[in-house]
Amino acid sequence: MVPHILDLPATEPSILLLGAHSDDIEIGCGGTVMRLAQRYPQARFVWVTFSADDAREAETRAAAARLLNGSGKLEIRVERFPGSYFPHSGAGLKDCVEGLKRHAPDLILTHCRHDLHQDHRLINELTWNAFRDHLILEYEIPKFDGDLSAPNVFVPLSRAQLQRKCEVLVDCFPSQRSRAWFSPETFQALARLRGIECNAPEGYAEAFFSRKIRIAL
């Protein structure tokens, strides 16, 4: 595939990362976050997790710090909305997302629209409600429901970047290690498939869905 360069502001671009639960951002776009931090070392990252207890919050903070590795300016916000009940907490969640407009993001990474997890799906809907003139990329999460689809945006990863992402996930999220799907093999397999689809140089990629992009010529 012919590569296209993501052209964010050179000075302190604002990047908003939205995840329903601890580990969503890391699974869906952890490799891309690393690449963004490398390309834009002055970026401002706003990392928002909407559901976590104290232990899961600690996992999120540890993973974010390792993925960014000191690059950029990081603000982590961890909310306490009850997991699996997001549709019943709609008003509070909407207020929370609306409040994120103050960060004036140049790029938003959020859950994809067709995700079968109700919490993920609602965060996507609220993202588009609040941010109507922004560059939004929707990441995917592998799960039992089998809702993977055909993405249209790809970010190639090197073997080393994918390995680092897997190490961060396993090391920083001990609460998830007992889950059958939470393994390096899962994350490597999906990255390999997406790498094939976009002909990534080293064979691995993260994939996203973009509903609309305006191209300046």
C-alpha atoms as a PDB file:
ATOM      1  CA  MET A   1       0.000   0.000   0.000  1.00  0.00           C
ATOM      2  CA  VAL A   2       1.117   3.578  -0.629  1.00  0.00           C
ATOM      3  CA  PRO A   3       1.840   5.190   2.773  1.00  0.00           C
ATOM      4  CA  HIS A   4       0.305   8.530   3.736  1.00  0.00           C
ATOM      5  CA  ILE A   5       1.820  10.778   6.388  1.00  0.00           C
ATOM      6  CA  LEU A   6      -0.274  11.849   9.378  1.00  0.00           C
ATOM      7  CA  ASP A   7       0.297  15.607   9.507  1.00  0.00           C
ATOM      8  CA  LEU A   8      -0.427  16.832  13.044  1.00  0.00           C
ATOM      9  CA  PRO A   9       0.743  20.257  14.259  1.00  0.00           C
ATOM     10  CA  ALA A  10       4.493  20.204  14.779  1.00  0.00           C
ATOM     11  CA  THR A  11       4.308  21.990  18.130  1.00  0.00           C
ATOM     12  CA  GLU A  12       2.455  20.224  20.947  1.00  0.00           C
ATOM     13  CA  PRO A  13      -0.280  18.380  19.057  1.00  0.00           C
ATOM     14  CA  SER A  14      -3.104  17.297  21.350  1.00  0.00           C
ATOM     15  CA  ILE A  15      -3.950  13.587  21.231  1.00  0.00           C
ATOM     16  CA  LEU A  16      -7.025  12.299  23.070  1.00  0.00           C
ATOM     17  CA  LEU A  17      -7.193   8.594  23.939  1.00  0.00           C
ATOM     18  CA  LEU A  18     -10.542   7.192  25.096  1.00  0.00           C
ATOM     19  CA  GLY A  19     -11.057   3.737  26.602  1.00  0.00           C
ATOM     20  CA  ALA A  20     -14.079   2.323  28.386  1.00  0.00           C
ATOM     21  CA  HIS A  21     -11.971   0.099  30.644  1.00  0.00           C
ATOM     22  CA  SER A  22      -8.392  -0.267  31.777  1.00  0.00           C
ATOM     23  CA  ASP A  23      -6.401  -2.037  29.028  1.00  0.00           C
ATOM     24  CA  ASP A  24      -8.725  -1.016  26.154  1.00  0.00           C
ATOM     25  CA  ILE A  25      -6.454   1.748  24.871  1.00  0.00           C
ATOM     26  CA  GLU A  26      -3.385  -0.407  25.367  1.00  0.00           C
ATOM     27  CA  ILE A  27      -4.860  -3.367  23.470  1.00  0.00           C
ATOM     28  CA  GLY A  28      -6.497  -1.355  20.715  1.00  0.00           C
ATOM     29  CA  CYS A  29      -3.788   1.181  19.932  1.00  0.00           C
ATOM     30  CA  GLY A  30      -0.824   0.720  22.265  1.00  0.00           C
ATOM     31  CA  GLY A  31       1.603   0.349  19.371  1.00  0.00           C
ATOM     32  CA  THR A  32       0.219   3.419  17.626  1.00  0.00           C
ATOM     33  CA  VAL A  33       0.578   5.415  20.834  1.00  0.00           C
ATOM     34  CA  MET A  34       4.244   4.459  20.949  1.00  0.00           C
ATOM     35  CA  ARG A  35       4.732   5.542  17.333  1.00  0.00           C
ATOM     36  CA  LEU A  36       2.925   8.842  17.926  1.00  0.00           C
ATOM     37  CA  ALA A  37       5.120   9.559  20.922  1.00  0.00           C
ATOM     38  CA  GLN A  38       8.224   8.919  18.841  1.00  0.00           C
ATOM     39  CA  ARG A  39       7.082  11.073  15.938  1.00  0.00           C
ATOM     40  CA  TYR A  40       5.685  13.901  18.084  1.00  0.00           C
ATOM     41  CA  PRO A  41       7.875  14.070  21.212  1.00  0.00           C
ATOM     42  CA  GLN A  42       6.216  17.346  22.274  1.00  0.00           C
ATOM     43  CA  ALA A  43       2.679  15.974  21.993  1.00  0.00           C
ATOM     44  CA  ARG A  44       0.139  16.335  24.780  1.00  0.00           C
ATOM     45  CA  PHE A  45      -1.534  12.990  25.479  1.00  0.00           C
ATOM     46  CA  VAL A  46      -4.829  12.975  27.367  1.00  0.00           C
ATOM     47  CA  TRP A  47      -5.473   9.377  28.450  1.00  0.00           C
ATOM     48  CA  VAL A  48      -9.036   8.764  29.649  1.00  0.00           C
ATOM     49  CA  THR A  49     -10.283   5.484  31.117  1.00  0.00           C
ATOM     50  CA  PHE A  50     -13.932   5.570  32.126  1.00  0.00           C
ATOM     51  CA  SER A  51     -14.202   2.505  34.355  1.00  0.00           C
ATOM     52  CA  ALA A  52     -11.646   1.237  36.883  1.00  0.00           C
ATOM     53  CA  ASP A  53     -11.189   0.480  40.573  1.00  0.00           C
ATOM     54  CA  ASP A  54      -8.024   1.407  42.464  1.00  0.00           C
ATOM     55  CA  ALA A  55      -6.089  -1.678  41.338  1.00  0.00           C
ATOM     56  CA  ARG A  56      -7.070  -1.266  37.703  1.00  0.00           C
ATOM     57  CA  GLU A  57      -6.236   2.434  37.817  1.00  0.00           C
ATOM     58  CA  ALA A  58      -2.730   1.564  38.965  1.00  0.00           C
ATOM     59  CA  GLU A  59      -2.437  -0.832  36.011  1.00  0.00           C
ATOM     60  CA  THR A  60      -3.533   1.874  33.594  1.00  0.00           C
ATOM     61  CA  ARG A  61      -1.053   4.416  34.912  1.00  0.00           C
ATOM     62  CA  ALA A  62       1.814   1.947  34.792  1.00  0.00           C
ATOM     63  CA  ALA A  63       1.017   0.893  31.225  1.00  0.00           C
ATOM     64  CA  ALA A  64       0.625   4.458  29.949  1.00  0.00           C
ATOM     65  CA  ALA A  65       3.954   5.486  31.434  1.00  0.00           C
ATOM     66  CA  ARG A  66       5.747   2.536  29.832  1.00  0.00           C
ATOM     67  CA  LEU A  67       4.183   2.994  26.409  1.00  0.00           C
ATOM     68  CA  LEU A  68       5.047   6.689  26.268  1.00  0.00           C
ATOM     69  CA  ASN A  69       8.449   6.109  27.861  1.00  0.00           C
ATOM     70  CA  GLY A  70       8.845   9.726  28.930  1.00  0.00           C
ATOM     71  CA  SER A  71       7.850  11.203  25.569  1.00  0.00           C
ATOM     72  CA  GLY A  72       5.248  13.926  25.390  1.00  0.00           C
ATOM     73  CA  LYS A  73       3.156  15.428  28.153  1.00  0.00           C
ATOM     74  CA  LEU A  74       0.759  12.975  29.740  1.00  0.00           C
ATOM     75  CA  GLU A  75      -2.485  13.625  31.586  1.00  0.00           C
ATOM     76  CA  ILE A  76      -4.242  10.491  32.832  1.00  0.00           C
ATOM     77  CA  ARG A  77      -7.861  10.624  33.910  1.00  0.00           C
ATOM     78  CA  VAL A  78      -9.478   7.524  35.387  1.00  0.00           C
ATOM     79  CA  GLU A  79     -13.203   7.582  36.123  1.00  0.00           C
ATOM     80  CA  ARG A  80     -15.287   5.247  38.260  1.00  0.00           C
ATOM     81  CA  PHE A  81     -18.323   4.526  36.080  1.00  0.00           C
ATOM     82  CA  PRO A  82     -19.499   0.926  36.703  1.00  0.00           C
ATOM     83  CA  GLY A  83     -18.304  -1.444  34.003  1.00  0.00           C
ATOM     84  CA  SER A  84     -20.941  -3.194  31.844  1.00  0.00           C
ATOM     85  CA  TYR A  85     -23.526  -0.577  32.896  1.00  0.00           C
ATOM     86  CA  PHE A  86     -22.515   2.363  30.713  1.00  0.00           C
ATOM     87  CA  PRO A  87     -25.872   2.685  28.919  1.00  0.00           C
ATOM     88  CA  HIS A  88     -27.445   3.229  32.355  1.00  0.00           C
ATOM     89  CA  SER A  89     -24.906   5.950  33.216  1.00  0.00           C
ATOM     90  CA  GLY A  90     -25.430   7.894  30.018  1.00  0.00           C
ATOM     91  CA  ALA A  91     -25.920  11.375  31.419  1.00  0.00           C
ATOM     92  CA  GLY A  92     -22.809  11.313  33.583  1.00  0.00           C
ATOM     93  CA  LEU A  93     -20.704   9.805  30.818  1.00  0.00           C
ATOM     94  CA  LYS A  94     -21.918  12.388  28.317  1.00  0.00           C
ATOM     95  CA  ASP A  95     -21.015  15.227  30.688  1.00  0.00           C
ATOM     96  CA  CYS A  96     -17.588  13.685  31.171  1.00  0.00           C
ATOM     97  CA  VAL A  97     -16.919  13.385  27.435  1.00  0.00           C
ATOM     98  CA  GLU A  98     -18.236  16.873  26.738  1.00  0.00           C
ATOM     99  CA  GLY A  99     -15.804  18.222  29.322  1.00  0.00           C
ATOM    100  CA  LEU A 100     -12.904  16.846  27.290  1.00  0.00           C
ATOM    101  CA  LYS A 101     -13.497  19.443  24.566  1.00  0.00           C
ATOM    102  CA  ARG A 102     -11.256  21.837  26.477  1.00  0.00           C
ATOM    103  CA  HIS A 103      -8.254  19.819  25.328  1.00  0.00           C
ATOM    104  CA  ALA A 104      -8.948  20.763  21.685  1.00  0.00           C
ATOM    105  CA  PRO A 105      -7.621  17.450  20.335  1.00  0.00           C
ATOM    106  CA  ASP A 106      -5.961  17.228  16.939  1.00  0.00           C
ATOM    107  CA  LEU A 107      -6.429  13.438  16.927  1.00  0.00           C
ATOM    108  CA  ILE A 108      -8.839  11.200  18.836  1.00  0.00           C
ATOM    109  CA  LEU A 109      -8.481   7.425  19.254  1.00  0.00           C
ATOM    110  CA  THR A 110     -11.653   5.741  20.484  1.00  0.00           C
ATOM    111  CA  HIS A 111     -13.667   2.520  20.313  1.00  0.00           C
ATOM    112  CA  CYS A 112     -15.220   1.461  17.006  1.00  0.00           C
ATOM    113  CA  ARG A 113     -18.897   1.912  16.227  1.00  0.00           C
ATOM    114  CA  HIS A 114     -19.797  -1.727  15.633  1.00  0.00           C
ATOM    115  CA  ASP A 115     -18.130  -3.072  18.806  1.00  0.00           C
ATOM    116  CA  LEU A 116     -20.501  -5.554  20.460  1.00  0.00           C
ATOM    117  CA  HIS A 117     -19.538  -4.553  23.997  1.00  0.00           C
ATOM    118  CA  GLN A 118     -22.147  -2.041  25.136  1.00  0.00           C
ATOM    119  CA  ASP A 119     -19.628   0.055  27.080  1.00  0.00           C
ATOM    120  CA  HIS A 120     -17.297   0.346  24.090  1.00  0.00           C
ATOM    121  CA  ARG A 121     -20.150   1.199  21.761  1.00  0.00           C
ATOM    122  CA  LEU A 122     -21.467   3.982  23.976  1.00  0.00           C
ATOM    123  CA  ILE A 123     -18.048   5.617  24.271  1.00  0.00           C
ATOM    124  CA  ASN A 124     -17.887   5.647  20.484  1.00  0.00           C
ATOM    125  CA  GLU A 125     -21.306   7.280  20.220  1.00  0.00           C
ATOM    126  CA  LEU A 126     -20.436   9.923  22.784  1.00  0.00           C
ATOM    127  CA  THR A 127     -17.131  10.611  21.037  1.00  0.00           C
ATOM    128  CA  TRP A 128     -18.922  11.453  17.816  1.00  0.00           C
ATOM    129  CA  ASN A 129     -21.602  13.443  19.667  1.00  0.00           C
ATOM    130  CA  ALA A 130     -19.011  15.686  21.284  1.00  0.00           C
ATOM    131  CA  PHE A 131     -16.344  15.931  18.574  1.00  0.00           C
ATOM    132  CA  ARG A 132     -17.985  16.712  15.262  1.00  0.00           C
ATOM    133  CA  ASP A 133     -15.139  18.331  13.322  1.00  0.00           C
ATOM    134  CA  HIS A 134     -12.159  16.256  14.373  1.00  0.00           C
ATOM    135  CA  LEU A 135      -9.893  13.486  13.108  1.00  0.00           C
ATOM    136  CA  ILE A 136     -11.207  10.353  14.815  1.00  0.00           C
ATOM    137  CA  LEU A 137      -9.776   6.875  14.424  1.00  0.00           C
ATOM    138  CA  GLU A 138     -11.659   3.941  15.916  1.00  0.00           C
ATOM    139  CA  TYR A 139      -9.616   1.014  17.246  1.00  0.00           C
ATOM    140  CA  GLU A 140     -10.627  -2.631  17.563  1.00  0.00           C
ATOM    141  CA  ILE A 141     -10.620  -5.013  20.532  1.00  0.00           C
ATOM    142  CA  PRO A 142     -10.534  -8.816  20.021  1.00  0.00           C
ATOM    143  CA  LYS A 143     -13.128 -10.597  22.124  1.00  0.00           C
ATOM    144  CA  PHE A 144     -15.344 -13.675  22.489  1.00  0.00           C
ATOM    145  CA  ASP A 145     -18.222 -11.968  20.641  1.00  0.00           C
ATOM    146  CA  GLY A 146     -16.364 -12.157  17.327  1.00  0.00           C
ATOM    147  CA  ASP A 147     -17.045  -8.620  16.102  1.00  0.00           C
ATOM    148  CA  LEU A 148     -13.851  -8.029  14.115  1.00  0.00           C
ATOM    149  CA  SER A 149     -14.553  -6.435  10.759  1.00  0.00           C
ATOM    150  CA  ALA A 150     -12.705  -4.896   7.794  1.00  0.00           C
ATOM    151  CA  PRO A 151     -10.746  -1.815   8.917  1.00  0.00           C
ATOM    152  CA  ASN A 152      -9.647   0.849   6.460  1.00  0.00           C
ATOM    153  CA  VAL A 153      -6.709   2.546   8.229  1.00  0.00           C
ATOM    154  CA  PHE A 154      -3.494   0.780   9.248  1.00  0.00           C
ATOM    155  CA  VAL A 155      -0.448   1.747  11.314  1.00  0.00           C
ATOM    156  CA  PRO A 156       2.499  -0.593  10.682  1.00  0.00           C
ATOM    157  CA  LEU A 157       4.474  -1.816  13.685  1.00  0.00           C
ATOM    158  CA  SER A 158       7.962  -3.218  13.821  1.00  0.00           C
ATOM    159  CA  ARG A 159       8.561  -6.558  15.508  1.00  0.00           C
ATOM    160  CA  ALA A 160      10.217  -4.712  18.372  1.00  0.00           C
ATOM    161  CA  GLN A 161       7.263  -2.366  18.814  1.00  0.00           C
ATOM    162  CA  LEU A 162       4.786  -5.234  18.852  1.00  0.00           C
ATOM    163  CA  GLN A 163       6.939  -7.128  21.328  1.00  0.00           C
ATOM    164  CA  ARG A 164       7.100  -4.097  23.601  1.00  0.00           C
ATOM    165  CA  LYS A 165       3.323  -3.656  23.409  1.00  0.00           C
ATOM    166  CA  CYS A 166       2.791  -7.309  24.395  1.00  0.00           C
ATOM    167  CA  GLU A 167       5.285  -7.018  27.251  1.00  0.00           C
ATOM    168  CA  VAL A 168       3.512  -3.940  28.610  1.00  0.00           C
ATOM    169  CA  LEU A 169       0.126  -5.657  28.460  1.00  0.00           C
ATOM    170  CA  VAL A 170       1.313  -8.794  30.244  1.00  0.00           C
ATOM    171  CA  ASP A 171       3.456  -6.997  32.817  1.00  0.00           C
ATOM    172  CA  CYS A 172       1.092  -4.138  33.664  1.00  0.00           C
ATOM    173  CA  PHE A 173      -2.256  -5.950  33.747  1.00  0.00           C
ATOM    174  CA  PRO A 174      -1.904  -8.884  36.167  1.00  0.00           C
ATOM    175  CA  SER A 175      -5.651  -8.719  36.836  1.00  0.00           C
ATOM    176  CA  GLN A 176      -6.294  -9.949  33.282  1.00  0.00           C
ATOM    177  CA  ARG A 177      -3.767 -12.778  33.007  1.00  0.00           C
ATOM    178  CA  SER A 178      -6.310 -15.439  33.971  1.00  0.00           C
ATOM    179  CA  ARG A 179      -8.501 -14.602  30.975  1.00  0.00           C
ATOM    180  CA  ALA A 180      -8.045 -17.137  28.187  1.00  0.00           C
ATOM    181  CA  TRP A 181      -7.911 -14.492  25.443  1.00  0.00           C
ATOM    182  CA  PHE A 182      -5.492 -12.148  27.206  1.00  0.00           C
ATOM    183  CA  SER A 183      -2.173 -13.391  25.856  1.00  0.00           C
ATOM    184  CA  PRO A 184       0.685 -12.227  23.644  1.00  0.00           C
ATOM    185  CA  GLU A 185      -0.419 -14.789  21.060  1.00  0.00           C
ATOM    186  CA  THR A 186      -3.795 -13.045  20.691  1.00  0.00           C
ATOM    187  CA  PHE A 187      -2.276  -9.614  20.170  1.00  0.00           C
ATOM    188  CA  GLN A 188       0.431 -10.940  17.859  1.00  0.00           C
ATOM    189  CA  ALA A 189      -2.078 -12.864  15.744  1.00  0.00           C
ATOM    190  CA  LEU A 190      -4.313  -9.854  15.162  1.00  0.00           C
ATOM    191  CA  ALA A 191      -1.322  -7.619  14.423  1.00  0.00           C
ATOM    192  CA  ARG A 192      -0.011 -10.175  11.927  1.00  0.00           C
ATOM    193  CA  LEU A 193      -3.363 -10.355  10.133  1.00  0.00           C
ATOM    194  CA  ARG A 194      -3.587  -6.564   9.897  1.00  0.00           C
ATOM    195  CA  GLY A 195       0.012  -6.454   8.778  1.00  0.00           C
ATOM    196  CA  ILE A 196      -0.803  -8.764   5.886  1.00  0.00           C
ATOM    197  CA  GLU A 197      -3.801  -6.641   4.904  1.00  0.00           C
ATOM    198  CA  CYS A 198      -1.728  -3.467   4.579  1.00  0.00           C
ATOM    199  CA  ASN A 199       1.543  -5.063   3.419  1.00  0.00           C
ATOM    200  CA  ALA A 200       3.369  -3.702   6.469  1.00  0.00           C
ATOM    201  CA  PRO A 201       7.182  -3.629   6.093  1.00  0.00           C
ATOM    202  CA  GLU A 202       7.769  -6.027   8.995  1.00  0.00           C
ATOM    203  CA  GLY A 203       4.428  -7.807   8.698  1.00  0.00           C
ATOM    204  CA  TYR A 204       2.582  -6.299  11.690  1.00  0.00           C
ATOM    205  CA  ALA A 205       0.104  -3.462  12.133  1.00  0.00           C
ATOM    206  CA  GLU A 206      -2.697  -2.028  14.241  1.00  0.00           C
ATOM    207  CA  ALA A 207      -5.913  -1.258  12.403  1.00  0.00           C
ATOM    208  CA  PHE A 208      -8.558   1.432  12.704  1.00  0.00           C
ATOM    209  CA  PHE A 209     -11.827   2.541  11.205  1.00  0.00           C
ATOM    210  CA  SER A 210     -12.205   6.040   9.811  1.00  0.00           C
ATOM    211  CA  ARG A 211     -15.695   7.235   8.938  1.00  0.00           C
ATOM    212  CA  LYS A 212     -14.502  10.345   7.134  1.00  0.00           C
ATOM    213  CA  ILE A 213     -11.250  12.150   6.397  1.00  0.00           C
ATOM    214  CA  ARG A 214     -10.797  15.510   4.683  1.00  0.00           C
ATOM    215  CA  ILE A 215      -7.779  15.607   2.388  1.00  0.00           C
ATOM    216  CA  ALA A 216      -6.007  18.893   1.705  1.00  0.00           C
ATOM    217  CA  LEU A 217      -4.180  18.987  -1.637  1.00  0.00           C
END
